[in-house]
Amino acid sequence: MTVQEQIQACINSQPEPKRSEMQELHERICQLSPQATLWFFDGINNENRVVSNPTIGYGHHTIKYANGTTRDFFKVGLLANKTGISVHILGIEDKTYLAQTYGVNLGKASVTGYCIKFKKLKDINIDVLEAAIRYAFETAE
């Protein structure tokens, strides 16, 4: 299965209205950075353990570990969670940046150091979410 097929299968596996909202966000993110590499992470690590929900990834980020090793990964992640949708933005060193810069105007969302989580698109200001995603792509490695 290609990455695009995995992404579509992931989106299609969601119940409505989450399916339509994931599809809309996927299309918007692709429009924000049409050249971004697409990823699909099934949430299973090298030891065959579930470590996260399946995630659609966009762009490129190099994760640097304390032992000096590195790993290529996505810069922006889109995933369904139990209560809604999450957008992960990786590689931001200042763990207060997302909340301070976008959290106030985002709407009904939980914002942590790298995660923006919300129940439905209607609960948030999509323009503010897009600004946070644009920031991620502008600071991509």
C-alpha atoms as a PDB file:
ATOM      1  CA  MET A   1       0.000   0.000   0.000  1.00  0.00           C
ATOM      2  CA  THR A   2       1.356   3.453  -0.884  1.00  0.00           C
ATOM      3  CA  VAL A   3       1.593   6.255   1.665  1.00  0.00           C
ATOM      4  CA  GLN A   4      -1.341   8.008  -0.004  1.00  0.00           C
ATOM      5  CA  GLU A   5      -3.410   4.809   0.221  1.00  0.00           C
ATOM      6  CA  GLN A   6      -2.499   4.380   3.902  1.00  0.00           C
ATOM      7  CA  ILE A   7      -3.510   7.990   4.573  1.00  0.00           C
ATOM      8  CA  GLN A   8      -6.845   7.582   2.822  1.00  0.00           C
ATOM      9  CA  ALA A   9      -7.519   4.286   4.626  1.00  0.00           C
ATOM     10  CA  CYS A  10      -6.770   5.976   7.959  1.00  0.00           C
ATOM     11  CA  ILE A  11      -9.148   8.845   7.192  1.00  0.00           C
ATOM     12  CA  ASN A  12     -11.836   6.491   5.865  1.00  0.00           C
ATOM     13  CA  SER A  13     -11.650   4.351   9.018  1.00  0.00           C
ATOM     14  CA  GLN A  14     -12.968   7.234  11.130  1.00  0.00           C
ATOM     15  CA  PRO A  15     -16.672   7.618  11.916  1.00  0.00           C
ATOM     16  CA  GLU A  16     -18.513  10.695  10.684  1.00  0.00           C
ATOM     17  CA  PRO A  17     -18.196  13.605  11.287  1.00  0.00           C
ATOM     18  CA  LYS A  18     -14.553  12.996  12.233  1.00  0.00           C
ATOM     19  CA  ARG A  19     -13.884  11.425   8.812  1.00  0.00           C
ATOM     20  CA  SER A  20     -14.981  14.548   6.917  1.00  0.00           C
ATOM     21  CA  GLU A  21     -13.088  16.843   9.274  1.00  0.00           C
ATOM     22  CA  MET A  22      -9.894  14.785   8.966  1.00  0.00           C
ATOM     23  CA  GLN A  23     -10.271  14.861   5.170  1.00  0.00           C
ATOM     24  CA  GLU A  24     -10.748  18.634   5.208  1.00  0.00           C
ATOM     25  CA  LEU A  25      -7.709  19.158   7.438  1.00  0.00           C
ATOM     26  CA  HIS A  26      -5.601  16.815   5.306  1.00  0.00           C
ATOM     27  CA  GLU A  27      -6.494  18.798   2.179  1.00  0.00           C
ATOM     28  CA  ARG A  28      -5.835  22.138   3.909  1.00  0.00           C
ATOM     29  CA  ILE A  29      -2.441  21.017   5.208  1.00  0.00           C
ATOM     30  CA  CYS A  30      -1.475  19.745   1.755  1.00  0.00           C
ATOM     31  CA  GLN A  31      -2.467  23.148   0.294  1.00  0.00           C
ATOM     32  CA  LEU A  32      -0.374  24.993   2.892  1.00  0.00           C
ATOM     33  CA  SER A  33       2.739  23.080   1.844  1.00  0.00           C
ATOM     34  CA  PRO A  34       2.146  21.261  -1.455  1.00  0.00           C
ATOM     35  CA  GLN A  35       5.772  20.104  -1.649  1.00  0.00           C
ATOM     36  CA  ALA A  36       5.826  18.625   1.862  1.00  0.00           C
ATOM     37  CA  THR A  37       6.750  14.969   2.132  1.00  0.00           C
ATOM     38  CA  LEU A  38       3.772  12.830   3.167  1.00  0.00           C
ATOM     39  CA  TRP A  39       4.233  10.211   5.890  1.00  0.00           C
ATOM     40  CA  PHE A  40       2.081   7.607   7.532  1.00  0.00           C
ATOM     41  CA  PHE A  41       2.994   6.274  10.966  1.00  0.00           C
ATOM     42  CA  ASP A  42       0.843   3.336  12.060  1.00  0.00           C
ATOM     43  CA  GLY A  43       1.617   3.998  15.738  1.00  0.00           C
ATOM     44  CA  ILE A  44       3.644   0.804  16.232  1.00  0.00           C
ATOM     45  CA  ASN A  45       7.309   0.989  17.250  1.00  0.00           C
ATOM     46  CA  ASN A  46      10.240  -1.302  16.355  1.00  0.00           C
ATOM     47  CA  GLU A  47       9.291  -3.656  19.213  1.00  0.00           C
ATOM     48  CA  ASN A  48       5.778  -4.086  17.743  1.00  0.00           C
ATOM     49  CA  ARG A  49       4.220  -2.075  20.587  1.00  0.00           C
ATOM     50  CA  VAL A  50       1.494   0.510  20.070  1.00  0.00           C
ATOM     51  CA  VAL A  51       2.988   3.872  21.048  1.00  0.00           C
ATOM     52  CA  SER A  52       0.475   6.272  19.489  1.00  0.00           C
ATOM     53  CA  ASN A  53      -2.608   6.530  17.343  1.00  0.00           C
ATOM     54  CA  PRO A  54      -2.017   6.223  13.582  1.00  0.00           C
ATOM     55  CA  THR A  55      -0.708   9.560  12.344  1.00  0.00           C
ATOM     56  CA  ILE A  56      -0.610  11.311   8.982  1.00  0.00           C
ATOM     57  CA  GLY A  57       2.631  13.261   8.724  1.00  0.00           C
ATOM     58  CA  TYR A  58       3.702  16.234   6.643  1.00  0.00           C
ATOM     59  CA  GLY A  59       7.105  17.758   6.004  1.00  0.00           C
ATOM     60  CA  HIS A  60      10.434  16.740   7.455  1.00  0.00           C
ATOM     61  CA  HIS A  61      11.995  17.011  10.898  1.00  0.00           C
ATOM     62  CA  THR A  62      15.130  15.367  12.220  1.00  0.00           C
ATOM     63  CA  ILE A  63      14.772  14.171  15.795  1.00  0.00           C
ATOM     64  CA  LYS A  64      18.051  14.372  17.714  1.00  0.00           C
ATOM     65  CA  TYR A  65      18.404  12.032  20.679  1.00  0.00           C
ATOM     66  CA  ALA A  66      20.582  12.585  23.750  1.00  0.00           C
ATOM     67  CA  ASN A  67      22.888   9.726  22.706  1.00  0.00           C
ATOM     68  CA  GLY A  68      23.740  11.582  19.478  1.00  0.00           C
ATOM     69  CA  THR A  69      21.639   9.490  17.116  1.00  0.00           C
ATOM     70  CA  THR A  70      19.053  11.023  14.823  1.00  0.00           C
ATOM     71  CA  ARG A  71      15.817   9.905  13.199  1.00  0.00           C
ATOM     72  CA  ASP A  72      13.907  11.386  10.296  1.00  0.00           C
ATOM     73  CA  PHE A  73      10.263  12.082  11.050  1.00  0.00           C
ATOM     74  CA  PHE A  74       7.455  14.421  10.037  1.00  0.00           C
ATOM     75  CA  LYS A  75       7.156  18.054  11.094  1.00  0.00           C
ATOM     76  CA  VAL A  76       3.335  18.187  11.376  1.00  0.00           C
ATOM     77  CA  GLY A  77       1.139  15.265  12.383  1.00  0.00           C
ATOM     78  CA  LEU A  78      -2.620  14.851  12.050  1.00  0.00           C
ATOM     79  CA  LEU A  79      -4.371  12.150  14.032  1.00  0.00           C
ATOM     80  CA  ALA A  80      -7.708  11.102  15.444  1.00  0.00           C
ATOM     81  CA  ASN A  81      -7.969  10.578  19.184  1.00  0.00           C
ATOM     82  CA  LYS A  82     -10.772   9.255  21.399  1.00  0.00           C
ATOM     83  CA  THR A  83     -12.492  12.610  21.762  1.00  0.00           C
ATOM     84  CA  GLY A  84     -11.572  14.408  18.551  1.00  0.00           C
ATOM     85  CA  ILE A  85      -8.572  15.420  16.469  1.00  0.00           C
ATOM     86  CA  SER A  86      -4.991  16.351  17.302  1.00  0.00           C
ATOM     87  CA  VAL A  87      -2.416  18.287  15.324  1.00  0.00           C
ATOM     88  CA  HIS A  88       1.165  17.737  16.443  1.00  0.00           C
ATOM     89  CA  ILE A  89       3.889  20.230  15.606  1.00  0.00           C
ATOM     90  CA  LEU A  90       7.329  18.794  16.214  1.00  0.00           C
ATOM     91  CA  GLY A  91      10.650  20.532  16.636  1.00  0.00           C
ATOM     92  CA  ILE A  92       9.596  23.590  18.649  1.00  0.00           C
ATOM     93  CA  GLU A  93      12.167  24.052  21.379  1.00  0.00           C
ATOM     94  CA  ASP A  94      10.135  26.543  23.441  1.00  0.00           C
ATOM     95  CA  LYS A  95       7.383  24.347  24.864  1.00  0.00           C
ATOM     96  CA  THR A  96       5.244  27.396  25.718  1.00  0.00           C
ATOM     97  CA  TYR A  97       5.323  28.869  22.186  1.00  0.00           C
ATOM     98  CA  LEU A  98       2.200  27.194  20.739  1.00  0.00           C
ATOM     99  CA  ALA A  99       0.002  27.995  23.738  1.00  0.00           C
ATOM    100  CA  GLN A 100       1.241  31.589  24.057  1.00  0.00           C
ATOM    101  CA  THR A 101       1.168  32.392  20.349  1.00  0.00           C
ATOM    102  CA  TYR A 102      -1.927  30.553  19.132  1.00  0.00           C
ATOM    103  CA  GLY A 103      -3.801  29.208  22.170  1.00  0.00           C
ATOM    104  CA  VAL A 104      -5.631  32.391  23.156  1.00  0.00           C
ATOM    105  CA  ASN A 105      -7.264  32.879  19.741  1.00  0.00           C
ATOM    106  CA  LEU A 106      -7.671  29.228  18.763  1.00  0.00           C
ATOM    107  CA  GLY A 107     -11.012  28.586  20.439  1.00  0.00           C
ATOM    108  CA  LYS A 108     -12.041  25.451  22.317  1.00  0.00           C
ATOM    109  CA  ALA A 109      -8.772  23.544  22.119  1.00  0.00           C
ATOM    110  CA  SER A 110      -6.154  22.152  24.450  1.00  0.00           C
ATOM    111  CA  VAL A 111      -2.664  23.350  23.534  1.00  0.00           C
ATOM    112  CA  THR A 112       0.507  21.802  24.963  1.00  0.00           C
ATOM    113  CA  GLY A 113       4.162  22.040  23.989  1.00  0.00           C
ATOM    114  CA  TYR A 114       3.621  20.311  20.654  1.00  0.00           C
ATOM    115  CA  CYS A 115      -0.073  19.318  20.482  1.00  0.00           C
ATOM    116  CA  ILE A 116      -3.264  21.144  19.537  1.00  0.00           C
ATOM    117  CA  LYS A 117      -6.273  18.995  20.454  1.00  0.00           C
ATOM    118  CA  PHE A 118      -9.936  19.776  19.801  1.00  0.00           C
ATOM    119  CA  LYS A 119     -13.262  17.962  19.461  1.00  0.00           C
ATOM    120  CA  LYS A 120     -14.631  19.433  16.227  1.00  0.00           C
ATOM    121  CA  LEU A 121     -13.493  21.924  13.616  1.00  0.00           C
ATOM    122  CA  LYS A 122     -16.438  24.204  14.462  1.00  0.00           C
ATOM    123  CA  ASP A 123     -14.952  24.588  17.968  1.00  0.00           C
ATOM    124  CA  ILE A 124     -11.786  26.282  16.722  1.00  0.00           C
ATOM    125  CA  ASN A 125     -10.644  29.186  14.583  1.00  0.00           C
ATOM    126  CA  ILE A 126      -9.292  27.330  11.534  1.00  0.00           C
ATOM    127  CA  ASP A 127      -7.274  30.390  10.433  1.00  0.00           C
ATOM    128  CA  VAL A 128      -5.333  30.311  13.702  1.00  0.00           C
ATOM    129  CA  LEU A 129      -4.710  26.565  13.339  1.00  0.00           C
ATOM    130  CA  GLU A 130      -3.467  27.144   9.795  1.00  0.00           C
ATOM    131  CA  ALA A 131      -1.126  29.888  11.076  1.00  0.00           C
ATOM    132  CA  ALA A 132       0.387  27.424  13.567  1.00  0.00           C
ATOM    133  CA  ILE A 133       0.845  24.838  10.811  1.00  0.00           C
ATOM    134  CA  ARG A 134       2.383  27.451   8.496  1.00  0.00           C
ATOM    135  CA  TYR A 135       4.810  28.332  11.292  1.00  0.00           C
ATOM    136  CA  ALA A 136       5.808  24.682  11.521  1.00  0.00           C
ATOM    137  CA  PHE A 137       6.585  24.489   7.815  1.00  0.00           C
ATOM    138  CA  GLU A 138       8.492  27.785   7.880  1.00  0.00           C
ATOM    139  CA  THR A 139      10.729  26.480  10.658  1.00  0.00           C
ATOM    140  CA  ALA A 140      11.177  23.034   9.098  1.00  0.00           C
ATOM    141  CA  GLU A 141      14.684  21.726   8.735  1.00  0.00           C
END
